[in-house]
Structure formats: C-alpha cells, structure tokens
Amino acid sequence: MKRNNRKKLSVSRIVIYAFLIILAFIYLAPLLWMLLVSVKDNAEIFTSPFALPKRIQWENYTFAWTAGYLGKATLNSAIVCVTALVLSLVFGSMAAFAIARMRWKFSRLMMTYFLIGMMVPIHCVLIPLFKTFSSIGLYNNLSGLILPYVTFSLPITIYIMEGFFENMPQEIFEAACIDGCNIYKCFSTIAVPLSKTGLFVTGLMSFVANWNELLLAMVFISNDLKKTLPVSLSKFVGPYNTNYVQMFAAIIIAIIPTIVVYCCFSNQIVDGLTAGAVKG
C-alpha cells in the first residue's frame, strides 16, 4: 500500500511539474522572443523571425534610449508612479483602517462608495478631467497624472486593505488602548506593521497599472519632455513605417523595472495573496 501511494504521489508530482514547466514556457516564450528580436535588424525579422541574430545589434537599445527620449520618459514615469503609489497607500490604508476598525455611522456606506469607484471607467471622466485640468493649469503637468492615478488606485487599495484590517484580532487593539495608545498609534504601530503583505500586494498592483497606463498620459501630456514611458513607446510606430527592432528594444527597457520590482518583492506578494485567500 505504501509503495502504491508513493508511486501515485510521484506520478502526480511529475504531472504537476510538467504542467508548471509548460506554463512557465508559455509565459516566458514571448518575452524571450522580444529579447531576441530586439538585437536583430529589420530584415532579419521577416526572413528569420525565430532564428538567432547574425550579429547582435546593441545599437538598437542606444537608439531607443536616445532618439526615443526613453531616459527622460523613464524618469517621468518613475516620478509619477512612485508618488501615486505612496499617496494611494497612505490615504488608502488610512481610509481602510477607519472603515474596518472604527465604529461610525456611515462606515459601510463609505465602503460601498469606494467600491462604486472601481466600476467607473476612465473614459467616462476623461473629457471632464481634461477641461478641468486645462482650466487650472494641470495640463502638460505631471501633477495632472498623479491625481487621477491616485484616485483610480484608491478603491482597490481600500478594498484589499480593509480585509486585512478587519481580520486582525480585536484583543491586540484593546491591549494597546489599555497601555495608552490612541487611534493614531494603533494605526501606525500595530495595524500597518501587521498588514505589510497587503501593502506589498496593493502597491505592486497600483505600480504596474500606473506604469503601463497610456490613455491618460497621452491625453494630458503633449510635451515630449514630460511624456511617460508608454507614450514614448508609441513614437516608434508611424502611419507609414514601423521600426520593429528598435520598438522591441524600447519595450524591453520599459518592462525591466516591473520585472525587477516583482522579483524583489515576490515573496511578500505570495504571502499577501495567501493571507487574503484564507480570510475569515
């Protein structure tokens, strides 16, 4: 019986590992192909798209970085995304703590109000925001991107963080209050440290979403020196000609920061997703 159980266990592991390897290949293959194409010339893309390059064209990355203003665009994206990330985490976690742990009359109604914000598409507010920002001087200004990014990041941040705060033991906060902690110390010294995994998950989701956002950045920014990375990538696609190899080189440069962020915080993200999966 034990041998049969071991055989079944080994076969199931082989099947699982084989499935995971295939799944990893499916996800990594497009990325590896983009990396391969980015060091070719345009002629090789059409003659041998899946073959190794005859000569590695590192100048594609140099051209993409300089002619495409990717250096300035990367800095603009970093400023906008990091600022929006910090503001959304600070205000979102504070609002979530107030809804989850503080007892006040309209807490559930306020939670519903924030959840409704998740259902509002960007296209519905695009024209009003454009007219408002143009009248108050936020057009062609990075602040005109930070404000809507924070606004659209808040609902999902509050939704996730409210679940983490709600499931914290009440006894911890009662003991802290007995020791003399006020509501601000309970939030900063107890709630926030215990919800680090939730902050990592919401932070990564907000960062990746804002880093890849194109519509608002394209509408609100027309100055080349203030454009973000997704908008700068669109320069490589023209109405009559597209420089594919340099476009793929620019895409590789654009996705490197998100890959680095995910690799650095992957353990915290998995812990946060696991904690969220067993709530209640």
C-alpha atoms as a PDB file:
ATOM      1  CA  MET A   1       0.000   0.000   0.000  1.00  0.00           C
ATOM      2  CA  LYS A   2       2.789   2.393   0.893  1.00  0.00           C
ATOM      3  CA  ARG A   3       4.583   1.666  -2.385  1.00  0.00           C
ATOM      4  CA  ASN A   4       1.403   2.291  -4.352  1.00  0.00           C
ATOM      5  CA  ASN A   5       0.848   5.555  -2.501  1.00  0.00           C
ATOM      6  CA  ARG A   6       4.420   6.601  -3.210  1.00  0.00           C
ATOM      7  CA  LYS A   7       4.028   5.772  -6.895  1.00  0.00           C
ATOM      8  CA  LYS A   8       0.804   7.762  -7.095  1.00  0.00           C
ATOM      9  CA  LEU A   9       2.470  10.639  -5.304  1.00  0.00           C
ATOM     10  CA  SER A  10       5.491  10.600  -7.609  1.00  0.00           C
ATOM     11  CA  VAL A  11       3.316  10.426 -10.721  1.00  0.00           C
ATOM     12  CA  SER A  12       1.180  13.331  -9.503  1.00  0.00           C
ATOM     13  CA  ARG A  13       4.319  15.368  -8.822  1.00  0.00           C
ATOM     14  CA  ILE A  14       5.667  14.649 -12.300  1.00  0.00           C
ATOM     15  CA  VAL A  15       2.374  15.761 -13.830  1.00  0.00           C
ATOM     16  CA  ILE A  16       2.326  18.931 -11.728  1.00  0.00           C
ATOM     17  CA  TYR A  17       5.947  19.782 -12.516  1.00  0.00           C
ATOM     18  CA  ALA A  18       5.402  19.110 -16.223  1.00  0.00           C
ATOM     19  CA  PHE A  19       2.342  21.377 -16.212  1.00  0.00           C
ATOM     20  CA  LEU A  20       4.242  24.139 -14.408  1.00  0.00           C
ATOM     21  CA  ILE A  21       7.171  23.886 -16.837  1.00  0.00           C
ATOM     22  CA  ILE A  22       4.818  24.156 -19.816  1.00  0.00           C
ATOM     23  CA  LEU A  23       3.042  27.085 -18.186  1.00  0.00           C
ATOM     24  CA  ALA A  24       6.346  28.842 -17.481  1.00  0.00           C
ATOM     25  CA  PHE A  25       7.413  28.320 -21.092  1.00  0.00           C
ATOM     26  CA  ILE A  26       4.132  29.794 -22.365  1.00  0.00           C
ATOM     27  CA  TYR A  27       4.664  32.918 -20.257  1.00  0.00           C
ATOM     28  CA  LEU A  28       8.399  33.288 -20.924  1.00  0.00           C
ATOM     29  CA  ALA A  29       8.421  32.488 -24.645  1.00  0.00           C
ATOM     30  CA  PRO A  30       7.013  35.873 -25.815  1.00  0.00           C
ATOM     31  CA  LEU A  31       9.456  37.732 -23.567  1.00  0.00           C
ATOM     32  CA  LEU A  32      12.418  35.731 -24.851  1.00  0.00           C
ATOM     33  CA  TRP A  33      11.278  36.248 -28.436  1.00  0.00           C
ATOM     34  CA  MET A  34      11.053  40.024 -27.900  1.00  0.00           C
ATOM     35  CA  LEU A  35      14.559  39.988 -26.447  1.00  0.00           C
ATOM     36  CA  LEU A  36      15.766  38.011 -29.462  1.00  0.00           C
ATOM     37  CA  VAL A  37      14.133  40.357 -31.967  1.00  0.00           C
ATOM     38  CA  SER A  38      15.419  43.463 -30.203  1.00  0.00           C
ATOM     39  CA  VAL A  39      19.038  42.631 -31.143  1.00  0.00           C
ATOM     40  CA  LYS A  40      18.314  41.918 -34.829  1.00  0.00           C
ATOM     41  CA  ASP A  41      17.907  44.209 -37.814  1.00  0.00           C
ATOM     42  CA  ASN A  42      14.609  44.805 -39.581  1.00  0.00           C
ATOM     43  CA  ALA A  43      15.414  42.489 -42.488  1.00  0.00           C
ATOM     44  CA  GLU A  44      16.015  39.502 -40.210  1.00  0.00           C
ATOM     45  CA  ILE A  45      12.576  39.860 -38.596  1.00  0.00           C
ATOM     46  CA  PHE A  46      10.862  38.955 -41.857  1.00  0.00           C
ATOM     47  CA  THR A  47      13.391  36.463 -43.205  1.00  0.00           C
ATOM     48  CA  SER A  48      14.166  34.540 -39.982  1.00  0.00           C
ATOM     49  CA  PRO A  49      11.977  35.780 -37.113  1.00  0.00           C
ATOM     50  CA  PHE A  50      12.754  32.862 -34.769  1.00  0.00           C
ATOM     51  CA  ALA A  51      16.421  32.295 -35.631  1.00  0.00           C
ATOM     52  CA  LEU A  52      19.374  33.658 -33.707  1.00  0.00           C
ATOM     53  CA  PRO A  53      20.667  37.028 -34.956  1.00  0.00           C
ATOM     54  CA  LYS A  54      23.595  37.011 -37.348  1.00  0.00           C
ATOM     55  CA  ARG A  55      25.079  39.921 -35.453  1.00  0.00           C
ATOM     56  CA  ILE A  56      23.872  41.314 -32.135  1.00  0.00           C
ATOM     57  CA  GLN A  57      22.633  44.862 -32.753  1.00  0.00           C
ATOM     58  CA  TRP A  58      23.181  46.581 -29.404  1.00  0.00           C
ATOM     59  CA  GLU A  59      22.778  49.932 -31.134  1.00  0.00           C
ATOM     60  CA  ASN A  60      19.022  49.296 -31.195  1.00  0.00           C
ATOM     61  CA  TYR A  61      18.963  49.933 -27.456  1.00  0.00           C
ATOM     62  CA  THR A  62      21.161  53.020 -27.804  1.00  0.00           C
ATOM     63  CA  PHE A  63      18.854  54.464 -30.462  1.00  0.00           C
ATOM     64  CA  ALA A  64      15.734  53.650 -28.457  1.00  0.00           C
ATOM     65  CA  TRP A  65      17.180  55.272 -25.333  1.00  0.00           C
ATOM     66  CA  THR A  66      18.384  58.476 -27.015  1.00  0.00           C
ATOM     67  CA  ALA A  67      16.130  59.130 -30.028  1.00  0.00           C
ATOM     68  CA  GLY A  68      13.027  57.918 -28.223  1.00  0.00           C
ATOM     69  CA  TYR A  69      13.755  60.032 -25.112  1.00  0.00           C
ATOM     70  CA  LEU A  70      13.328  56.909 -23.017  1.00  0.00           C
ATOM     71  CA  GLY A  71      15.678  58.180 -20.340  1.00  0.00           C
ATOM     72  CA  LYS A  72      13.533  61.237 -19.627  1.00  0.00           C
ATOM     73  CA  ALA A  73      10.335  59.231 -20.106  1.00  0.00           C
ATOM     74  CA  THR A  74      11.511  56.601 -17.617  1.00  0.00           C
ATOM     75  CA  LEU A  75      12.274  59.304 -15.068  1.00  0.00           C
ATOM     76  CA  ASN A  76       8.830  60.878 -15.607  1.00  0.00           C
ATOM     77  CA  SER A  77       7.119  57.512 -15.198  1.00  0.00           C
ATOM     78  CA  ALA A  78       9.114  56.793 -12.044  1.00  0.00           C
ATOM     79  CA  ILE A  79       8.193  60.158 -10.507  1.00  0.00           C
ATOM     80  CA  VAL A  80       4.511  59.784 -11.348  1.00  0.00           C
ATOM     81  CA  CYS A  81       4.178  56.121 -10.331  1.00  0.00           C
ATOM     82  CA  VAL A  82       6.160  56.321  -7.094  1.00  0.00           C
ATOM     83  CA  THR A  83       4.346  59.474  -5.973  1.00  0.00           C
ATOM     84  CA  ALA A  84       0.945  57.997  -6.832  1.00  0.00           C
ATOM     85  CA  LEU A  85       1.930  54.737  -5.122  1.00  0.00           C
ATOM     86  CA  VAL A  86       2.929  56.417  -1.862  1.00  0.00           C
ATOM     87  CA  LEU A  87      -0.154  58.653  -1.761  1.00  0.00           C
ATOM     88  CA  SER A  88      -2.572  55.835  -2.595  1.00  0.00           C
ATOM     89  CA  LEU A  89      -1.058  53.524   0.044  1.00  0.00           C
ATOM     90  CA  VAL A  90      -1.055  56.210   2.735  1.00  0.00           C
ATOM     91  CA  PHE A  91      -4.569  57.528   2.162  1.00  0.00           C
ATOM     92  CA  GLY A  92      -5.983  54.136   1.156  1.00  0.00           C
ATOM     93  CA  SER A  93      -4.689  52.345   4.241  1.00  0.00           C
ATOM     94  CA  MET A  94      -5.924  55.156   6.500  1.00  0.00           C
ATOM     95  CA  ALA A  95      -9.396  55.031   4.959  1.00  0.00           C
ATOM     96  CA  ALA A  96      -9.458  51.223   5.126  1.00  0.00           C
ATOM     97  CA  PHE A  97      -8.459  51.279   8.807  1.00  0.00           C
ATOM     98  CA  ALA A  98     -11.161  53.798   9.598  1.00  0.00           C
ATOM     99  CA  ILE A  99     -13.783  51.656   7.854  1.00  0.00           C
ATOM    100  CA  ALA A 100     -12.619  48.332   9.318  1.00  0.00           C
ATOM    101  CA  ARG A 101     -11.684  49.153  12.910  1.00  0.00           C
ATOM    102  CA  MET A 102     -13.509  52.371  13.835  1.00  0.00           C
ATOM    103  CA  ARG A 103     -17.218  52.244  14.577  1.00  0.00           C
ATOM    104  CA  TRP A 104     -19.051  55.135  12.990  1.00  0.00           C
ATOM    105  CA  LYS A 105     -22.455  55.523  11.412  1.00  0.00           C
ATOM    106  CA  PHE A 106     -21.677  55.606   7.694  1.00  0.00           C
ATOM    107  CA  SER A 107     -18.687  53.247   7.554  1.00  0.00           C
ATOM    108  CA  ARG A 108     -20.425  50.587   5.426  1.00  0.00           C
ATOM    109  CA  LEU A 109     -21.930  53.257   3.183  1.00  0.00           C
ATOM    110  CA  MET A 110     -18.497  54.770   2.674  1.00  0.00           C
ATOM    111  CA  MET A 111     -17.096  51.355   1.759  1.00  0.00           C
ATOM    112  CA  THR A 112     -19.845  50.972  -0.832  1.00  0.00           C
ATOM    113  CA  TYR A 113     -18.994  54.429  -2.166  1.00  0.00           C
ATOM    114  CA  PHE A 114     -15.361  53.442  -2.699  1.00  0.00           C
ATOM    115  CA  LEU A 115     -16.352  50.131  -4.303  1.00  0.00           C
ATOM    116  CA  ILE A 116     -18.529  52.006  -6.787  1.00  0.00           C
ATOM    117  CA  GLY A 117     -15.357  53.841  -7.794  1.00  0.00           C
ATOM    118  CA  MET A 118     -13.969  50.543  -9.088  1.00  0.00           C
ATOM    119  CA  MET A 119     -16.830  50.374 -11.598  1.00  0.00           C
ATOM    120  CA  VAL A 120     -16.233  53.818 -13.134  1.00  0.00           C
ATOM    121  CA  PRO A 121     -14.240  53.507 -16.385  1.00  0.00           C
ATOM    122  CA  ILE A 122     -11.586  56.069 -17.205  1.00  0.00           C
ATOM    123  CA  HIS A 123     -13.335  57.004 -20.449  1.00  0.00           C
ATOM    124  CA  CYS A 124     -16.328  58.437 -18.554  1.00  0.00           C
ATOM    125  CA  VAL A 125     -14.239  61.049 -16.767  1.00  0.00           C
ATOM    126  CA  LEU A 126     -11.682  61.762 -19.493  1.00  0.00           C
ATOM    127  CA  ILE A 127     -13.345  64.845 -21.020  1.00  0.00           C
ATOM    128  CA  PRO A 128     -14.366  66.456 -17.687  1.00  0.00           C
ATOM    129  CA  LEU A 129     -10.862  65.898 -16.318  1.00  0.00           C
ATOM    130  CA  PHE A 130      -9.276  67.368 -19.454  1.00  0.00           C
ATOM    131  CA  LYS A 131     -11.419  70.505 -19.263  1.00  0.00           C
ATOM    132  CA  THR A 132     -10.807  70.892 -15.525  1.00  0.00           C
ATOM    133  CA  PHE A 133      -7.056  70.355 -15.713  1.00  0.00           C
ATOM    134  CA  SER A 134      -6.757  72.730 -18.671  1.00  0.00           C
ATOM    135  CA  SER A 135      -8.542  75.481 -16.733  1.00  0.00           C
ATOM    136  CA  ILE A 136      -6.464  75.126 -13.545  1.00  0.00           C
ATOM    137  CA  GLY A 137      -3.062  74.692 -15.194  1.00  0.00           C
ATOM    138  CA  LEU A 138      -2.549  70.958 -14.719  1.00  0.00           C
ATOM    139  CA  TYR A 139      -2.390  70.172 -18.444  1.00  0.00           C
ATOM    140  CA  ASN A 140       1.158  69.232 -19.509  1.00  0.00           C
ATOM    141  CA  ASN A 141       1.973  68.808 -15.831  1.00  0.00           C
ATOM    142  CA  LEU A 142       2.965  65.602 -14.089  1.00  0.00           C
ATOM    143  CA  SER A 143       0.620  66.504 -11.247  1.00  0.00           C
ATOM    144  CA  GLY A 144      -2.225  66.142 -13.739  1.00  0.00           C
ATOM    145  CA  LEU A 145      -1.308  62.454 -13.993  1.00  0.00           C
ATOM    146  CA  ILE A 146      -0.623  61.839 -10.316  1.00  0.00           C
ATOM    147  CA  LEU A 147      -4.073  62.986  -9.178  1.00  0.00           C
ATOM    148  CA  PRO A 148      -6.124  60.608 -11.390  1.00  0.00           C
ATOM    149  CA  TYR A 149      -3.660  57.780 -10.795  1.00  0.00           C
ATOM    150  CA  VAL A 150      -4.143  58.138  -7.037  1.00  0.00           C
ATOM    151  CA  THR A 151      -7.901  58.407  -7.468  1.00  0.00           C
ATOM    152  CA  PHE A 152      -8.211  55.233  -9.529  1.00  0.00           C
ATOM    153  CA  SER A 153      -5.803  53.334  -7.248  1.00  0.00           C
ATOM    154  CA  LEU A 154      -7.665  54.158  -4.037  1.00  0.00           C
ATOM    155  CA  PRO A 155     -10.720  51.844  -4.455  1.00  0.00           C
ATOM    156  CA  ILE A 156      -8.744  48.619  -4.911  1.00  0.00           C
ATOM    157  CA  THR A 157      -6.288  49.667  -2.180  1.00  0.00           C
ATOM    158  CA  ILE A 158      -9.102  50.328   0.289  1.00  0.00           C
ATOM    159  CA  TYR A 159     -10.903  47.115  -0.684  1.00  0.00           C
ATOM    160  CA  ILE A 160      -7.867  44.888  -0.091  1.00  0.00           C
ATOM    161  CA  MET A 161      -6.552  46.668   3.000  1.00  0.00           C
ATOM    162  CA  GLU A 162      -9.985  46.728   4.637  1.00  0.00           C
ATOM    163  CA  GLY A 163      -9.979  42.930   4.564  1.00  0.00           C
ATOM    164  CA  PHE A 164      -6.579  42.773   6.265  1.00  0.00           C
ATOM    165  CA  PHE A 165      -7.542  45.256   8.983  1.00  0.00           C
ATOM    166  CA  GLU A 166     -10.924  43.617   9.546  1.00  0.00           C
ATOM    167  CA  ASN A 167      -9.375  40.237  10.328  1.00  0.00           C
ATOM    168  CA  MET A 168      -6.846  41.477  12.854  1.00  0.00           C
ATOM    169  CA  PRO A 169      -7.593  40.296  16.421  1.00  0.00           C
ATOM    170  CA  GLN A 170      -9.565  42.863  18.366  1.00  0.00           C
ATOM    171  CA  GLU A 171      -7.653  41.942  21.528  1.00  0.00           C
ATOM    172  CA  ILE A 172      -4.458  43.491  20.143  1.00  0.00           C
ATOM    173  CA  PHE A 173      -6.069  46.902  19.802  1.00  0.00           C
ATOM    174  CA  GLU A 174      -7.813  46.623  23.170  1.00  0.00           C
ATOM    175  CA  ALA A 175      -4.495  45.844  24.866  1.00  0.00           C
ATOM    176  CA  ALA A 176      -2.862  48.786  23.071  1.00  0.00           C
ATOM    177  CA  CYS A 177      -5.633  51.129  24.206  1.00  0.00           C
ATOM    178  CA  ILE A 178      -5.200  49.932  27.800  1.00  0.00           C
ATOM    179  CA  ASP A 179      -1.470  50.721  27.518  1.00  0.00           C
ATOM    180  CA  GLY A 180      -2.315  54.269  26.449  1.00  0.00           C
ATOM    181  CA  CYS A 181      -2.203  54.107  22.634  1.00  0.00           C
ATOM    182  CA  ASN A 182      -4.536  56.432  20.803  1.00  0.00           C
ATOM    183  CA  ILE A 183      -6.092  55.650  17.446  1.00  0.00           C
ATOM    184  CA  TYR A 184      -3.139  57.103  15.527  1.00  0.00           C
ATOM    185  CA  LYS A 185      -0.590  54.934  17.348  1.00  0.00           C
ATOM    186  CA  CYS A 186      -2.806  51.875  16.898  1.00  0.00           C
ATOM    187  CA  PHE A 187      -2.742  52.505  13.180  1.00  0.00           C
ATOM    188  CA  SER A 188       0.944  53.312  12.783  1.00  0.00           C
ATOM    189  CA  THR A 189       2.498  50.890  15.292  1.00  0.00           C
ATOM    190  CA  ILE A 190       0.097  47.921  15.122  1.00  0.00           C
ATOM    191  CA  ALA A 191      -2.114  47.891  12.023  1.00  0.00           C
ATOM    192  CA  VAL A 192       0.445  48.934   9.424  1.00  0.00           C
ATOM    193  CA  PRO A 193       3.239  46.523  10.504  1.00  0.00           C
ATOM    194  CA  LEU A 194       0.766  43.615  10.641  1.00  0.00           C
ATOM    195  CA  SER A 195      -0.542  44.398   7.150  1.00  0.00           C
ATOM    196  CA  LYS A 196       2.778  44.688   5.308  1.00  0.00           C
ATOM    197  CA  THR A 197       1.891  41.825   2.977  1.00  0.00           C
ATOM    198  CA  GLY A 198      -1.334  43.573   1.965  1.00  0.00           C
ATOM    199  CA  LEU A 199       0.589  46.788   1.315  1.00  0.00           C
ATOM    200  CA  PHE A 200       3.031  44.911  -0.914  1.00  0.00           C
ATOM    201  CA  VAL A 201       0.208  43.349  -2.948  1.00  0.00           C
ATOM    202  CA  THR A 202      -1.764  46.559  -3.433  1.00  0.00           C
ATOM    203  CA  GLY A 203       1.431  48.515  -4.022  1.00  0.00           C
ATOM    204  CA  LEU A 204       2.581  46.226  -6.805  1.00  0.00           C
ATOM    205  CA  MET A 205      -0.845  46.218  -8.450  1.00  0.00           C
ATOM    206  CA  SER A 206      -1.015  50.014  -8.378  1.00  0.00           C
ATOM    207  CA  PHE A 207       2.568  50.435  -9.571  1.00  0.00           C
ATOM    208  CA  VAL A 208       2.210  48.088 -12.544  1.00  0.00           C
ATOM    209  CA  ALA A 209      -1.173  49.554 -13.548  1.00  0.00           C
ATOM    210  CA  ASN A 210       0.123  53.134 -13.425  1.00  0.00           C
ATOM    211  CA  TRP A 211       3.425  52.241 -15.101  1.00  0.00           C
ATOM    212  CA  ASN A 212       1.595  50.746 -18.096  1.00  0.00           C
ATOM    213  CA  GLU A 213      -1.180  53.365 -18.275  1.00  0.00           C
ATOM    214  CA  LEU A 214      -1.400  55.031 -21.693  1.00  0.00           C
ATOM    215  CA  LEU A 215      -4.732  56.809 -22.198  1.00  0.00           C
ATOM    216  CA  LEU A 216      -4.499  59.496 -19.514  1.00  0.00           C
ATOM    217  CA  ALA A 217      -0.810  60.091 -20.180  1.00  0.00           C
ATOM    218  CA  MET A 218      -1.448  60.522 -23.899  1.00  0.00           C
ATOM    219  CA  VAL A 219      -4.350  62.950 -23.390  1.00  0.00           C
ATOM    220  CA  PHE A 220      -2.942  65.096 -20.583  1.00  0.00           C
ATOM    221  CA  ILE A 221       0.690  65.324 -21.725  1.00  0.00           C
ATOM    222  CA  SER A 222       1.759  66.690 -25.114  1.00  0.00           C
ATOM    223  CA  ASN A 223       5.226  67.987 -24.233  1.00  0.00           C
ATOM    224  CA  ASP A 224       7.852  65.439 -25.298  1.00  0.00           C
ATOM    225  CA  LEU A 225       9.987  66.174 -22.229  1.00  0.00           C
ATOM    226  CA  LYS A 226       7.095  65.351 -19.873  1.00  0.00           C
ATOM    227  CA  LYS A 227       5.731  62.243 -21.567  1.00  0.00           C
ATOM    228  CA  THR A 228       5.758  58.960 -19.702  1.00  0.00           C
ATOM    229  CA  LEU A 229       7.218  55.689 -20.924  1.00  0.00           C
ATOM    230  CA  PRO A 230       4.098  54.148 -22.576  1.00  0.00           C
ATOM    231  CA  VAL A 231       3.527  57.338 -24.586  1.00  0.00           C
ATOM    232  CA  SER A 232       7.151  57.443 -25.699  1.00  0.00           C
ATOM    233  CA  LEU A 233       6.865  53.867 -26.945  1.00  0.00           C
ATOM    234  CA  SER A 234       4.156  54.950 -29.379  1.00  0.00           C
ATOM    235  CA  LYS A 235       6.717  57.106 -31.235  1.00  0.00           C
ATOM    236  CA  PHE A 236       8.259  54.005 -32.779  1.00  0.00           C
ATOM    237  CA  VAL A 237       5.007  53.229 -34.634  1.00  0.00           C
ATOM    238  CA  GLY A 238       4.326  55.532 -37.573  1.00  0.00           C
ATOM    239  CA  PRO A 239       1.467  55.730 -40.090  1.00  0.00           C
ATOM    240  CA  TYR A 240       3.669  54.506 -42.945  1.00  0.00           C
ATOM    241  CA  ASN A 241       6.615  52.810 -41.297  1.00  0.00           C
ATOM    242  CA  THR A 242       7.372  50.966 -38.074  1.00  0.00           C
ATOM    243  CA  ASN A 243      10.874  50.325 -36.761  1.00  0.00           C
ATOM    244  CA  TYR A 244      10.195  46.964 -35.177  1.00  0.00           C
ATOM    245  CA  VAL A 245      13.617  46.119 -33.764  1.00  0.00           C
ATOM    246  CA  GLN A 246      14.008  49.462 -32.018  1.00  0.00           C
ATOM    247  CA  MET A 247      10.409  49.293 -30.831  1.00  0.00           C
ATOM    248  CA  PHE A 248      11.055  45.890 -29.247  1.00  0.00           C
ATOM    249  CA  ALA A 249      14.258  47.236 -27.680  1.00  0.00           C
ATOM    250  CA  ALA A 250      12.240  50.076 -26.173  1.00  0.00           C
ATOM    251  CA  ILE A 251       9.630  47.608 -24.881  1.00  0.00           C
ATOM    252  CA  ILE A 252      12.343  45.542 -23.183  1.00  0.00           C
ATOM    253  CA  ILE A 253      13.648  48.695 -21.497  1.00  0.00           C
ATOM    254  CA  ALA A 254      10.105  49.589 -20.410  1.00  0.00           C
ATOM    255  CA  ILE A 255       9.306  46.245 -18.782  1.00  0.00           C
ATOM    256  CA  ILE A 256      12.596  45.864 -16.899  1.00  0.00           C
ATOM    257  CA  PRO A 257      11.502  47.995 -13.889  1.00  0.00           C
ATOM    258  CA  THR A 258       8.305  45.991 -13.328  1.00  0.00           C
ATOM    259  CA  ILE A 259      10.227  42.709 -13.546  1.00  0.00           C
ATOM    260  CA  VAL A 260      12.808  43.976 -11.052  1.00  0.00           C
ATOM    261  CA  VAL A 261      10.106  45.166  -8.634  1.00  0.00           C
ATOM    262  CA  TYR A 262       8.287  41.847  -8.828  1.00  0.00           C
ATOM    263  CA  CYS A 263      11.459  39.812  -8.336  1.00  0.00           C
ATOM    264  CA  CYS A 264      12.430  41.879  -5.282  1.00  0.00           C
ATOM    265  CA  PHE A 265       9.045  41.550  -3.584  1.00  0.00           C
ATOM    266  CA  SER A 266       7.787  38.219  -4.919  1.00  0.00           C
ATOM    267  CA  ASN A 267       7.890  36.504  -1.508  1.00  0.00           C
ATOM    268  CA  GLN A 268       5.870  39.270   0.134  1.00  0.00           C
ATOM    269  CA  ILE A 269       3.358  39.194  -2.700  1.00  0.00           C
ATOM    270  CA  VAL A 270       2.825  35.439  -2.367  1.00  0.00           C
ATOM    271  CA  ASP A 271       2.430  35.814   1.394  1.00  0.00           C
ATOM    272  CA  GLY A 272      -0.129  38.557   0.867  1.00  0.00           C
ATOM    273  CA  LEU A 273      -2.144  36.550  -1.622  1.00  0.00           C
ATOM    274  CA  THR A 274      -2.035  33.531   0.698  1.00  0.00           C
ATOM    275  CA  ALA A 275      -3.197  35.596   3.655  1.00  0.00           C
ATOM    276  CA  GLY A 276      -6.005  37.049   1.574  1.00  0.00           C
ATOM    277  CA  ALA A 277      -7.090  33.595   0.451  1.00  0.00           C
ATOM    278  CA  VAL A 278      -7.764  32.348   3.970  1.00  0.00           C
ATOM    279  CA  LYS A 279      -9.564  35.371   5.381  1.00  0.00           C
ATOM    280  CA  GLY A 280     -12.452  34.581   7.693  1.00  0.00           C
END
